[in-house]
């Protein structure tokens, strides 16, 4: 299963981007969103930025991802 995740572009060289998603670094191409610029938040799927996102929408997704991570860690402690 593949997810699209929001990430902030922290480096940009042509259409090669390095983006940050909650501390995780993701390499992506910005070919599909040629107007994306340094500091923009983009939705990344399969190595490609597919749209530029509003920061509020990105924050909602980041919060959900953190909650899922916390749930996973709690579940492992209960099971283990």
Protein backbone atom coordinates (compact mmCIF):
# COMPACT_ATOMS: atom_id res chain seq x y z
CA UNK A 1 0.00 0.00 0.00
CA UNK A 2 1.29 3.45 -0.86
CA UNK A 3 0.35 6.65 0.88
CA UNK A 4 0.80 10.21 -0.23
CA UNK A 5 2.35 12.25 2.57
CA UNK A 6 2.78 15.98 3.03
CA UNK A 7 6.35 17.21 3.30
CA UNK A 8 8.04 20.62 3.30
CA UNK A 9 10.62 21.23 0.57
CA UNK A 10 13.93 21.98 2.31
CA UNK A 11 16.23 21.73 -0.71
CA UNK A 12 15.42 22.28 -4.36
CA UNK A 13 17.69 21.89 -7.36
CA UNK A 14 15.81 22.01 -10.65
CA UNK A 15 13.07 19.43 -10.21
CA UNK A 16 15.00 17.44 -7.57
CA UNK A 17 13.66 18.13 -4.09
CA UNK A 18 14.53 17.03 -0.60
CA UNK A 19 11.52 17.32 1.66
CA UNK A 20 10.90 16.89 5.37
CA UNK A 21 7.94 14.95 6.74
CA UNK A 22 7.98 14.94 10.55
CA UNK A 23 11.76 14.59 10.60
CA UNK A 24 11.91 12.04 7.78
CA UNK A 25 13.78 13.10 4.65
CA UNK A 26 12.17 12.25 1.32
CA UNK A 27 13.70 12.64 -2.15
CA UNK A 28 11.08 13.68 -4.70
CA UNK A 29 10.69 15.08 -8.17
CA UNK A 30 8.68 18.27 -8.61
CA UNK A 31 8.10 17.72 -12.33
CA UNK A 32 4.33 17.50 -11.81
CA UNK A 33 4.21 20.73 -9.78
CA UNK A 34 6.68 23.00 -11.59
CA UNK A 35 5.63 26.05 -9.52
CA UNK A 36 6.65 24.39 -6.22
CA UNK A 37 9.33 26.38 -4.42
CA UNK A 38 11.60 26.09 -1.41
CA UNK A 39 9.52 26.06 1.78
CA UNK A 40 6.32 24.86 0.10
CA UNK A 41 4.49 21.87 1.49
CA UNK A 42 3.81 19.28 -1.18
CA UNK A 43 1.96 16.01 -1.20
CA UNK A 44 4.42 13.27 -2.18
CA UNK A 45 3.40 9.95 -3.70
CA UNK A 46 5.74 7.36 -5.20
CA UNK A 47 8.66 9.81 -5.32
CA UNK A 48 6.74 12.64 -6.98
CA UNK A 49 5.28 15.82 -5.56
CA UNK A 50 1.72 15.76 -6.88
CA UNK A 51 0.28 18.99 -5.46
CA UNK A 52 1.12 21.94 -3.25
CA UNK A 53 -0.77 21.83 0.06
CA UNK A 54 -2.10 24.37 2.49
CA UNK A 55 -0.16 24.26 5.78
CA UNK A 56 -3.31 23.65 7.87
CA UNK A 57 -4.18 20.56 5.82
CA UNK A 58 -0.61 19.27 6.11
CA UNK A 59 -0.65 19.74 9.89
CA UNK A 60 -3.82 17.66 10.17
CA UNK A 61 -2.14 14.80 8.31
CA UNK A 62 1.09 15.09 10.31
CA UNK A 63 -0.92 14.93 13.54
CA UNK A 64 -2.76 11.85 12.32
CA UNK A 65 0.52 10.15 11.35
CA UNK A 66 1.95 10.88 14.81
CA UNK A 67 -1.18 9.47 16.45
CA UNK A 68 -0.88 6.29 14.38
CA UNK A 69 2.78 5.96 15.37
CA UNK A 70 1.92 6.42 19.04
CA UNK A 71 -0.88 3.86 18.75
CA UNK A 72 1.48 1.38 17.14
CA UNK A 73 4.05 1.83 19.92
CA UNK A 74 1.36 1.43 22.62
CA UNK A 75 -0.03 -1.68 20.94
CA UNK A 76 3.43 -3.30 20.89
CA UNK A 77 3.87 -2.64 24.62
CA UNK A 78 0.49 -4.20 25.43
CA UNK A 79 1.10 -7.23 23.18
CA UNK A 80 4.70 -7.77 24.15
